[in-house]
C-alpha atoms as a PDB file:
ATOM      1  CA  UNK A   1      -0.263   0.060   0.618  1.00  0.00           C
ATOM      2  CA  UNK A   2       1.476   3.641  -1.096  1.00  0.00           C
ATOM      3  CA  UNK A   3       1.115   5.399   1.531  1.00  0.00           C
ATOM      4  CA  UNK A   4       0.009   9.601   0.533  1.00  0.00           C
ATOM      5  CA  UNK A   5       1.960  12.308   0.949  1.00  0.00           C
ATOM      6  CA  UNK A   6       1.380  15.188   3.572  1.00  0.00           C
ATOM      7  CA  UNK A   7      -0.413  17.969   2.062  1.00  0.00           C
ATOM      8  CA  UNK A   8       1.342  21.729   2.747  1.00  0.00           C
ATOM      9  CA  UNK A   9      -1.292  22.448   4.402  1.00  0.00           C
ATOM     10  CA  UNK A  10      -1.322  19.643   7.138  1.00  0.00           C
ATOM     11  CA  UNK A  11       1.689  19.921   7.967  1.00  0.00           C
ATOM     12  CA  UNK A  12       1.019  24.311   8.124  1.00  0.00           C
ATOM     13  CA  UNK A  13      -0.837  22.695  10.424  1.00  0.00           C
ATOM     14  CA  UNK A  14       1.118  20.782  12.922  1.00  0.00           C
ATOM     15  CA  UNK A  15       3.548  23.612  12.498  1.00  0.00           C
ATOM     16  CA  UNK A  16       1.580  25.900  13.714  1.00  0.00           C
ATOM     17  CA  UNK A  17       0.099  23.538  16.903  1.00  0.00           C
ATOM     18  CA  UNK A  18       3.381  22.304  17.389  1.00  0.00           C
ATOM     19  CA  UNK A  19       4.803  26.201  17.956  1.00  0.00           C
ATOM     20  CA  UNK A  20       7.852  25.566  19.982  1.00  0.00           C
ATOM     21  CA  UNK A  21       6.192  23.924  22.414  1.00  0.00           C
ATOM     22  CA  UNK A  22       9.445  22.472  24.024  1.00  0.00           C
ATOM     23  CA  UNK A  23       8.027  19.446  25.338  1.00  0.00           C
ATOM     24  CA  UNK A  24       7.918  18.001  21.515  1.00  0.00           C
ATOM     25  CA  UNK A  25       9.640  16.673  19.356  1.00  0.00           C
ATOM     26  CA  UNK A  26       9.006  16.511  15.633  1.00  0.00           C
ATOM     27  CA  UNK A  27       9.721  13.176  13.573  1.00  0.00           C
ATOM     28  CA  UNK A  28       8.866  11.581  10.911  1.00  0.00           C
ATOM     29  CA  UNK A  29       5.690   9.007  10.681  1.00  0.00           C
ATOM     30  CA  UNK A  30       4.385   6.995   7.427  1.00  0.00           C
ATOM     31  CA  UNK A  31       6.841   9.739   5.828  1.00  0.00           C
ATOM     32  CA  UNK A  32       4.798  12.176   7.295  1.00  0.00           C
ATOM     33  CA  UNK A  33       5.423  14.949  10.381  1.00  0.00           C
ATOM     34  CA  UNK A  34       4.702  14.010  13.743  1.00  0.00           C
ATOM     35  CA  UNK A  35       5.215  15.033  17.229  1.00  0.00           C
ATOM     36  CA  UNK A  36       6.360  13.390  20.593  1.00  0.00           C
ATOM     37  CA  UNK A  37       6.455  14.156  24.064  1.00  0.00           C
ATOM     38  CA  UNK A  38       8.018  11.616  26.090  1.00  0.00           C
ATOM     39  CA  UNK A  39       9.324   9.788  22.656  1.00  0.00           C
ATOM     40  CA  UNK A  40       5.478   9.109  22.854  1.00  0.00           C
ATOM     41  CA  UNK A  41       3.637  10.246  19.325  1.00  0.00           C
ATOM     42  CA  UNK A  42       0.541  12.854  20.185  1.00  0.00           C
ATOM     43  CA  UNK A  43       0.048  14.307  17.139  1.00  0.00           C
ATOM     44  CA  UNK A  44       0.919  14.248  13.721  1.00  0.00           C
ATOM     45  CA  UNK A  45      -0.428  14.493   9.673  1.00  0.00           C
ATOM     46  CA  UNK A  46      -1.236  11.953   6.708  1.00  0.00           C
ATOM     47  CA  UNK A  47      -1.753  13.765   3.819  1.00  0.00           C
ATOM     48  CA  UNK A  48      -4.187  16.869   4.362  1.00  0.00           C
ATOM     49  CA  UNK A  49      -4.811  14.688   7.196  1.00  0.00           C
ATOM     50  CA  UNK A  50      -4.066  16.153  11.346  1.00  0.00           C
ATOM     51  CA  UNK A  51      -4.446  13.134  14.217  1.00  0.00           C
ATOM     52  CA  UNK A  52      -4.376  13.170  18.071  1.00  0.00           C
ATOM     53  CA  UNK A  53      -3.602  10.341  20.659  1.00  0.00           C
ATOM     54  CA  UNK A  54      -5.814  10.578  23.086  1.00  0.00           C
ATOM     55  CA  UNK A  55      -6.847   9.115  26.300  1.00  0.00           C
ATOM     56  CA  UNK A  56     -10.000   7.199  27.445  1.00  0.00           C
ATOM     57  CA  UNK A  57     -12.167  10.290  28.635  1.00  0.00           C
ATOM     58  CA  UNK A  58     -10.835  12.437  26.144  1.00  0.00           C
ATOM     59  CA  UNK A  59     -11.708   9.515  23.345  1.00  0.00           C
ATOM     60  CA  UNK A  60     -15.280   9.593  24.488  1.00  0.00           C
ATOM     61  CA  UNK A  61     -15.472  13.405  24.436  1.00  0.00           C
ATOM     62  CA  UNK A  62     -13.662  13.741  20.393  1.00  0.00           C
ATOM     63  CA  UNK A  63     -16.145  11.566  19.053  1.00  0.00           C
ATOM     64  CA  UNK A  64     -19.333  13.287  19.633  1.00  0.00           C
ATOM     65  CA  UNK A  65     -17.701  15.937  17.865  1.00  0.00           C
ATOM     66  CA  UNK A  66     -18.961  16.547  14.176  1.00  0.00           C
ATOM     67  CA  UNK A  67     -16.176  15.188  11.338  1.00  0.00           C
ATOM     68  CA  UNK A  68     -14.351  13.703  14.257  1.00  0.00           C
ATOM     69  CA  UNK A  69     -12.902   9.950  12.883  1.00  0.00           C
ATOM     70  CA  UNK A  70     -11.000   7.225  13.915  1.00  0.00           C
ATOM     71  CA  UNK A  71      -7.729   7.320  12.195  1.00  0.00           C
ATOM     72  CA  UNK A  72      -6.969   3.912   9.791  1.00  0.00           C
ATOM     73  CA  UNK A  73      -3.894   4.542   8.021  1.00  0.00           C
ATOM     74  CA  UNK A  74      -4.834   1.488   6.084  1.00  0.00           C
ATOM     75  CA  UNK A  75      -8.300   1.072   5.314  1.00  0.00           C
ATOM     76  CA  UNK A  76      -9.972  -1.617   7.808  1.00  0.00           C
ATOM     77  CA  UNK A  77      -7.364  -0.855  11.041  1.00  0.00           C
ATOM     78  CA  UNK A  78      -7.308   1.499  12.735  1.00  0.00           C
ATOM     79  CA  UNK A  79      -5.216   2.772  14.924  1.00  0.00           C
ATOM     80  CA  UNK A  80      -6.513   2.812  18.505  1.00  0.00           C
ATOM     81  CA  UNK A  81      -6.348   6.393  20.493  1.00  0.00           C
ATOM     82  CA  UNK A  82      -6.142   8.467  17.509  1.00  0.00           C
ATOM     83  CA  UNK A  83      -8.724   9.648  15.574  1.00  0.00           C
ATOM     84  CA  UNK A  84      -8.617  12.876  12.902  1.00  0.00           C
ATOM     85  CA  UNK A  85     -10.093  16.199  13.696  1.00  0.00           C
ATOM     86  CA  UNK A  86     -11.685  18.098  10.647  1.00  0.00           C
ATOM     87  CA  UNK A  87     -10.150  21.610   9.791  1.00  0.00           C
ATOM     88  CA  UNK A  88     -13.308  23.478  11.032  1.00  0.00           C
ATOM     89  CA  UNK A  89     -12.287  22.451  14.804  1.00  0.00           C
ATOM     90  CA  UNK A  90      -8.461  22.674  13.634  1.00  0.00           C
ATOM     91  CA  UNK A  91      -8.373  25.669  11.958  1.00  0.00           C
ATOM     92  CA  UNK A  92     -10.172  27.869  15.406  1.00  0.00           C
ATOM     93  CA  UNK A  93      -6.905  28.797  17.381  1.00  0.00           C
ATOM     94  CA  UNK A  94      -8.707  28.385  20.416  1.00  0.00           C
ATOM     95  CA  UNK A  95     -10.253  24.635  19.990  1.00  0.00           C
ATOM     96  CA  UNK A  96      -7.062  22.807  18.208  1.00  0.00           C
ATOM     97  CA  UNK A  97      -4.731  24.613  21.114  1.00  0.00           C
ATOM     98  CA  UNK A  98      -7.285  22.724  24.094  1.00  0.00           C
ATOM     99  CA  UNK A  99      -7.107  19.824  22.136  1.00  0.00           C
ATOM    100  CA  UNK A 100      -3.442  19.389  21.362  1.00  0.00           C
ATOM    101  CA  UNK A 101      -3.012  20.056  24.966  1.00  0.00           C
ATOM    102  CA  UNK A 102      -5.440  17.108  25.705  1.00  0.00           C
ATOM    103  CA  UNK A 103      -3.154  15.151  23.430  1.00  0.00           C
ATOM    104  CA  UNK A 104      -0.279  16.198  24.689  1.00  0.00           C
ATOM    105  CA  UNK A 105      -1.663  15.803  28.830  1.00  0.00           C
ATOM    106  CA  UNK A 106      -1.711  12.247  27.837  1.00  0.00           C
ATOM    107  CA  UNK A 107       1.324  11.349  25.632  1.00  0.00           C
ATOM    108  CA  UNK A 108       3.134  12.640  29.229  1.00  0.00           C
ATOM    109  CA  UNK A 109       1.180  10.303  31.547  1.00  0.00           C
ATOM    110  CA  UNK A 110       2.406   7.076  29.582  1.00  0.00           C
ATOM    111  CA  UNK A 111       6.128   5.872  30.066  1.00  0.00           C
ATOM    112  CA  UNK A 112       9.292   7.402  28.439  1.00  0.00           C
ATOM    113  CA  UNK A 113       9.820   5.568  24.987  1.00  0.00           C
ATOM    114  CA  UNK A 114      13.279   4.778  25.276  1.00  0.00           C
ATOM    115  CA  UNK A 115      15.340   5.928  21.684  1.00  0.00           C
ATOM    116  CA  UNK A 116      16.025   3.324  19.809  1.00  0.00           C
ATOM    117  CA  UNK A 117      19.507   2.058  19.530  1.00  0.00           C
ATOM    118  CA  UNK A 118      20.578   1.811  15.683  1.00  0.00           C
ATOM    119  CA  UNK A 119      21.688  -0.900  13.802  1.00  0.00           C
ATOM    120  CA  UNK A 120      24.638  -1.136  12.402  1.00  0.00           C
END
């Protein structure tokens, strides 16, 4: 399966959401930019989409919002706890900041991931 290329709009949106937050590190996942806190992915891009990883309580709230859907990088195989948010929420700076903070807070509750060692 060929992965979509990140769109300029999605990449710009991610850069705005990261906004020099010292808790975050940007790495590539699926060949696309994603933000990590403590080594745990909290949000990223996939083609034209921006997805966020949420804790259980926030997942229930998110799924009640219009346009929020599970993140499925491969059709029929959703990633547990990850949701694609519509532009209507992401373009609203206050609402997007609120959801990004929820995503970061959740990632920071998870055990820190150790960096992978490079194989020789």
